[in-house]
Amino acid sequence: MRQSWTRGLLVVLVAWAVSLDPIGAREVQAHGIWGHIHVTGWAIEELPEGDLKEFLSEPEVLNAALFGGSFPDSGYFPIQGKNDENARAYAEFTHWEPFIQRFVEWIRTEDPPPWDNLHSRRRVAFLLGCASHGLQDELFDSLYLDLTAHHEGGDQDSVDPGTDGFLALEGQLRFVPEPWIPLDTLQELYAELDADITPELIENASEAMTSLYVNETFGWELAASLGESYEEQLPWSRAHFMDPKVMGSLASEIAPTMGYIQAIWERLHE
C-alpha cells in the first residue's frame, strides 16, 4: 500500500514539475529532458577522433555541453507568478537558430578560438548543448510525434514524459550534468527580449529543473514512475523509441546531432 501511494505521489509531482505548462506547450514542443541530455551525450561519444572530440573530453567541458542540452527547457519549470512568463520567454528564444547564431557571433567576436581558459571552453560547450537540444526538438516533433499519433494516439503530453520514463526503465540513464550557465554572456544575448531576464531568474529556473528532475536520485525515480505510467498507453513507443530505423526516435537523432555539433564547431572557427 505504501509503495502504491508513493508511486502515485511521484506521478502527481512529475505532472506538475516536469510537463510543460499549457502556454509553454503551445510555444515549444520538446521531447523529454533526459532524452535531450542522453542524445547529446551519445552524439558526443560518436564524434570522430580529432580536435572537437578532444575538446569535449575534458570532464568539466563535457558537463557544460550536457547541461546545455537540458537548459532550453529550464524556463518551463514553475517558479513564481510573473517570473514564469519571463522564464518562458528565454526558454522559447533559446530553442531556435536565431539564438544559436547570435551565440556563435558573440563567441567569434568577444572570445574567439583558441579558448585558453576553462570558462571559455565551457561556454563553447554550453552553446553546443543548446544547439543540440533545438535540433532534437525539430526532429522529434516533425517525425516521431506523427508516428506515435498514428500508431497509438500518442501526443506530446504523453510521449515526452513517456520516452524519458522508458529510458529509465531500460537502465539507459547515466549522464547527470551539474548546473553550469554562462550568465554573463546570456545576459547580453537575452537583452533584446521584451522580458525581464535576470541572472537570478535563470538560476532559479535551472535550480527548479535540477532539484525536481535532473538528478540521479529523485529525478531518476520520477522518470521510472513515468515509464510505468505510460507503458500500457504507449506500447508502440515503448518498443520503438530507441529504434534507429524509426524516424525521429531518440536513437535516430544521434547522428544528426553529431553532425550539427560539428557544423557549429566549424562556424565558430570560420
Protein backbone atom coordinates (compact mmCIF):
# COMPACT_ATOMS: atom_id res chain seq x y z
CA MET A 1 0.00 0.00 0.00
CA ARG A 2 2.83 2.43 0.88
CA GLN A 3 4.68 1.67 -2.38
CA SER A 4 1.50 2.25 -4.41
CA TRP A 5 0.80 5.54 -2.60
CA THR A 6 4.39 6.74 -3.13
CA ARG A 7 4.27 5.89 -6.80
CA GLY A 8 1.04 7.80 -7.21
CA LEU A 9 2.54 10.80 -5.44
CA LEU A 10 5.57 10.73 -7.75
CA VAL A 11 3.36 10.77 -10.82
CA VAL A 12 1.43 13.75 -9.47
CA LEU A 13 4.67 15.62 -8.75
CA VAL A 14 6.03 14.92 -12.22
CA ALA A 15 2.85 16.10 -13.86
CA TRP A 16 3.26 19.38 -12.00
CA ALA A 17 7.01 19.83 -12.23
CA VAL A 18 8.15 18.24 -15.48
CA SER A 19 5.39 18.62 -18.03
CA LEU A 20 5.26 21.91 -19.96
CA ASP A 21 2.55 24.28 -18.84
CA PRO A 22 -0.25 24.93 -21.37
CA ILE A 23 1.23 28.22 -22.60
CA GLY A 24 4.73 26.80 -22.91
CA ALA A 25 3.44 23.68 -24.62
CA ARG A 26 1.86 25.77 -27.35
CA GLU A 27 5.07 27.73 -27.83
CA VAL A 28 7.56 24.85 -27.97
CA GLN A 29 7.21 21.13 -28.36
CA ALA A 30 10.09 19.17 -26.90
CA HIS A 31 10.95 15.62 -26.09
CA GLY A 32 11.90 14.64 -22.57
CA ILE A 33 14.82 16.32 -20.83
CA TRP A 34 16.59 13.05 -20.06
CA GLY A 35 16.29 12.25 -23.75
CA HIS A 36 17.94 15.56 -24.66
CA ILE A 37 20.81 15.01 -22.24
CA HIS A 38 21.48 11.48 -23.42
CA VAL A 39 21.16 12.02 -27.17
CA THR A 40 23.62 14.90 -26.75
CA GLY A 41 25.97 12.69 -24.74
CA TRP A 42 25.72 9.79 -27.17
CA ALA A 43 26.35 12.10 -30.13
CA ILE A 44 29.49 13.43 -28.45
CA GLU A 45 30.69 9.88 -27.83
CA GLU A 46 30.20 9.10 -31.53
CA LEU A 47 32.32 12.04 -32.72
CA PRO A 48 35.32 11.02 -34.84
CA GLU A 49 38.77 11.44 -33.35
CA GLY A 50 40.05 14.99 -33.70
CA ASP A 51 40.11 18.42 -32.13
CA LEU A 52 36.39 18.57 -31.33
CA LYS A 53 36.28 15.19 -29.59
CA GLU A 54 39.41 16.06 -27.64
CA PHE A 55 37.89 19.42 -26.69
CA LEU A 56 34.78 17.73 -25.28
CA SER A 57 36.75 15.01 -23.48
CA GLU A 58 37.59 17.36 -20.59
CA PRO A 59 35.07 16.40 -17.87
CA GLU A 60 34.02 19.93 -16.94
CA VAL A 61 33.64 20.87 -20.61
CA LEU A 62 31.57 17.77 -21.31
CA ASN A 63 29.40 18.60 -18.30
CA ALA A 64 28.72 22.08 -19.71
CA ALA A 65 27.65 20.56 -23.03
CA LEU A 66 25.30 18.09 -21.33
CA PHE A 67 23.76 20.78 -19.15
CA GLY A 68 23.39 22.96 -22.23
CA GLY A 69 21.44 20.06 -23.71
CA SER A 70 18.86 20.44 -20.96
CA PHE A 71 18.98 24.20 -20.41
CA PRO A 72 16.47 25.43 -23.05
CA ASP A 73 13.66 23.66 -21.16
CA SER A 74 14.64 25.10 -17.77
CA GLY A 75 12.40 28.12 -18.28
CA TYR A 76 9.29 25.92 -18.37
CA PHE A 77 9.64 24.82 -14.76
CA PRO A 78 7.31 26.75 -12.45
CA ILE A 79 8.97 29.44 -10.35
CA GLN A 80 6.52 32.04 -9.09
CA GLY A 81 3.96 34.43 -10.52
CA LYS A 82 5.09 36.76 -13.29
CA ASN A 83 8.56 35.22 -13.28
CA ASP A 84 7.11 32.20 -15.06
CA GLU A 85 6.30 34.35 -18.08
CA ASN A 86 9.80 35.83 -18.18
CA ALA A 87 11.35 32.38 -17.83
CA ARG A 88 9.26 31.06 -20.70
CA ALA A 89 10.48 33.96 -22.84
CA TYR A 90 14.13 32.99 -22.51
CA ALA A 91 13.31 29.30 -22.86
CA GLU A 92 11.45 29.85 -26.12
CA PHE A 93 14.18 32.07 -27.56
CA THR A 94 16.95 29.62 -26.62
CA HIS A 95 15.39 26.82 -28.66
CA TRP A 96 15.81 28.39 -32.08
CA GLU A 97 18.50 29.13 -34.63
CA PRO A 98 18.48 32.94 -34.19
CA PHE A 99 19.71 32.45 -30.63
CA ILE A 100 22.34 29.94 -31.76
CA GLN A 101 23.59 32.26 -34.49
CA ARG A 102 23.81 35.19 -32.06
CA PHE A 103 25.72 33.00 -29.63
CA VAL A 104 28.13 31.91 -32.38
CA GLU A 105 28.69 35.50 -33.43
CA TRP A 106 29.23 36.60 -29.83
CA ILE A 107 31.94 34.00 -29.30
CA ARG A 108 33.64 34.75 -32.61
CA THR A 109 33.72 38.45 -31.74
CA GLU A 110 34.23 38.51 -27.97
CA ASP A 111 36.08 35.27 -27.22
CA PRO A 112 37.36 33.64 -30.42
CA PRO A 113 39.44 30.45 -30.53
CA PRO A 114 41.76 29.22 -29.22
CA TRP A 115 40.00 29.10 -25.87
CA ASP A 116 42.78 29.08 -23.30
CA ASN A 117 40.74 29.14 -20.09
CA LEU A 118 38.16 26.76 -18.70
CA HIS A 119 35.35 29.33 -18.60
CA SER A 120 35.69 29.94 -22.34
CA ARG A 121 35.75 26.23 -23.15
CA ARG A 122 32.70 25.62 -21.01
CA ARG A 123 30.84 28.45 -22.72
CA VAL A 124 31.51 26.94 -26.14
CA ALA A 125 30.38 23.52 -24.91
CA PHE A 126 27.22 25.03 -23.42
CA LEU A 127 26.43 26.51 -26.83
CA LEU A 128 26.90 23.12 -28.49
CA GLY A 129 24.48 21.58 -26.00
CA CYS A 130 21.82 24.25 -26.54
CA ALA A 131 22.13 23.80 -30.31
CA SER A 132 21.76 20.04 -29.94
CA HIS A 133 18.56 20.49 -27.94
CA GLY A 134 16.93 22.61 -30.62
CA LEU A 135 17.78 20.21 -33.43
CA GLN A 136 16.45 17.24 -31.48
CA ASP A 137 13.14 19.02 -30.94
CA GLU A 138 12.84 19.68 -34.66
CA LEU A 139 13.35 16.00 -35.47
CA PHE A 140 11.22 14.58 -32.68
CA ASP A 141 8.29 16.92 -33.24
CA SER A 142 8.18 16.73 -37.02
CA LEU A 143 8.74 12.97 -37.31
CA TYR A 144 8.28 10.90 -34.17
CA LEU A 145 5.19 12.57 -32.76
CA ASP A 146 3.35 11.99 -36.02
CA LEU A 147 4.30 8.31 -35.96
CA THR A 148 3.20 7.74 -32.39
CA ALA A 149 -0.05 9.59 -33.08
CA HIS A 150 -0.69 7.23 -35.98
CA HIS A 151 0.23 4.01 -34.17
CA GLU A 152 -1.18 4.60 -30.69
CA GLY A 153 -2.82 8.00 -30.49
CA GLY A 154 0.14 9.40 -28.59
CA ASP A 155 0.68 13.12 -28.17
CA GLN A 156 3.32 15.39 -26.72
CA ASP A 157 1.84 15.35 -23.24
CA SER A 158 2.26 11.58 -23.03
CA VAL A 159 5.19 10.83 -25.35
CA ASP A 160 7.60 13.39 -23.87
CA PRO A 161 7.49 12.02 -20.31
CA GLY A 162 6.88 8.50 -21.56
CA THR A 163 10.13 8.26 -23.54
CA ASP A 164 12.06 9.70 -20.59
CA GLY A 165 10.48 7.02 -18.44
CA PHE A 166 11.32 4.25 -20.87
CA LEU A 167 14.97 5.32 -20.79
CA ALA A 168 14.88 4.92 -17.02
CA LEU A 169 13.15 1.55 -17.12
CA GLU A 170 15.74 0.21 -19.54
CA GLY A 171 18.64 1.41 -17.39
CA GLN A 172 19.86 3.86 -20.03
CA LEU A 173 20.23 6.88 -17.75
CA ARG A 174 23.88 7.59 -17.00
CA PHE A 175 24.57 11.27 -17.80
CA VAL A 176 23.68 13.59 -14.91
CA PRO A 177 25.10 17.06 -15.58
CA GLU A 178 25.73 19.55 -12.82
CA PRO A 179 24.41 23.08 -13.44
CA TRP A 180 26.78 25.40 -15.26
CA ILE A 181 25.50 28.53 -17.03
CA PRO A 182 27.43 31.37 -18.73
CA LEU A 183 25.23 34.02 -17.15
CA ASP A 184 27.38 36.93 -18.31
CA THR A 185 27.00 36.02 -21.96
CA LEU A 186 23.34 35.07 -21.72
CA GLN A 187 22.53 38.46 -20.25
CA GLU A 188 23.79 40.07 -23.44
CA LEU A 189 22.05 37.58 -25.72
CA TYR A 190 18.72 37.97 -23.93
CA ALA A 191 18.89 41.77 -23.85
CA GLU A 192 16.74 42.05 -26.99
CA LEU A 193 13.84 40.16 -25.44
CA ASP A 194 10.81 42.04 -24.20
CA ALA A 195 11.09 40.38 -20.81
CA ASP A 196 12.88 40.85 -17.51
CA ILE A 197 15.58 38.19 -17.74
CA THR A 198 17.84 38.47 -14.73
CA PRO A 199 20.67 36.15 -13.63
CA GLU A 200 18.57 35.28 -10.58
CA LEU A 201 15.64 34.25 -12.77
CA ILE A 202 17.82 31.96 -14.87
CA GLU A 203 19.46 30.43 -11.81
CA ASN A 204 16.13 29.89 -10.05
CA ALA A 205 14.58 28.23 -13.08
CA SER A 206 17.61 25.99 -13.56
CA GLU A 207 17.63 25.09 -9.89
CA ALA A 208 13.97 24.11 -10.12
CA MET A 209 14.76 21.84 -13.06
CA THR A 210 17.72 20.16 -11.39
CA SER A 211 16.21 19.80 -7.93
CA LEU A 212 12.93 18.40 -9.24
CA TYR A 213 14.09 16.28 -12.15
CA VAL A 214 17.67 16.42 -13.45
CA ASN A 215 19.31 14.44 -10.67
CA GLU A 216 20.12 10.78 -10.21
CA THR A 217 18.07 10.24 -7.06
CA PHE A 218 14.57 11.70 -7.06
CA GLY A 219 14.75 12.56 -10.78
CA TRP A 220 15.56 9.04 -11.89
CA GLU A 221 12.81 7.66 -9.66
CA LEU A 222 10.36 10.13 -11.15
CA ALA A 223 11.35 9.13 -14.67
CA ALA A 224 10.91 5.44 -13.89
CA SER A 225 7.46 6.15 -12.47
CA LEU A 226 6.56 7.92 -15.69
CA GLY A 227 7.69 4.91 -17.69
CA GLU A 228 5.49 2.61 -15.64
CA SER A 229 2.57 5.02 -16.02
CA TYR A 230 2.77 5.18 -19.82
CA GLU A 231 3.76 1.61 -20.76
CA GLU A 232 0.22 0.46 -21.44
CA GLN A 233 -0.83 3.70 -23.13
CA LEU A 234 2.22 3.83 -25.44
CA PRO A 235 3.13 0.24 -26.40
CA TRP A 236 4.41 1.23 -29.85
CA SER A 237 6.67 3.92 -28.40
CA ARG A 238 7.84 1.55 -25.68
CA ALA A 239 9.01 -0.82 -28.41
CA HIS A 240 10.44 1.74 -30.85
CA PHE A 241 11.64 4.86 -29.01
CA MET A 242 15.25 3.63 -29.35
CA ASP A 243 14.85 2.03 -32.78
CA PRO A 244 17.37 3.74 -35.12
CA LYS A 245 15.24 2.80 -38.13
CA VAL A 246 12.25 4.78 -36.83
CA MET A 247 12.38 8.40 -37.95
CA GLY A 248 12.63 10.83 -35.06
CA SER A 249 13.31 8.20 -32.39
CA LEU A 250 15.95 9.03 -29.82
CA ALA A 251 18.45 6.68 -31.46
CA SER A 252 17.84 8.20 -34.90
CA GLU A 253 18.68 11.66 -33.52
CA ILE A 254 22.23 10.75 -32.56
CA ALA A 255 23.85 11.05 -36.00
CA PRO A 256 22.14 14.35 -36.94
CA THR A 257 23.02 15.78 -33.53
CA MET A 258 26.65 14.79 -34.01
CA GLY A 259 26.66 16.42 -37.45
CA TYR A 260 25.13 19.61 -36.10
CA ILE A 261 27.69 19.81 -33.28
CA GLN A 262 30.41 19.51 -35.92
CA ALA A 263 28.76 22.21 -38.02
CA ILE A 264 28.55 24.64 -35.09
CA TRP A 265 32.21 23.93 -34.32
CA GLU A 266 33.12 24.84 -37.90
CA ARG A 267 31.04 28.04 -37.71
CA LEU A 268 32.92 29.01 -34.57
CA HIS A 269 36.23 28.60 -36.40
CA GLU A 270 35.37 30.44 -39.60
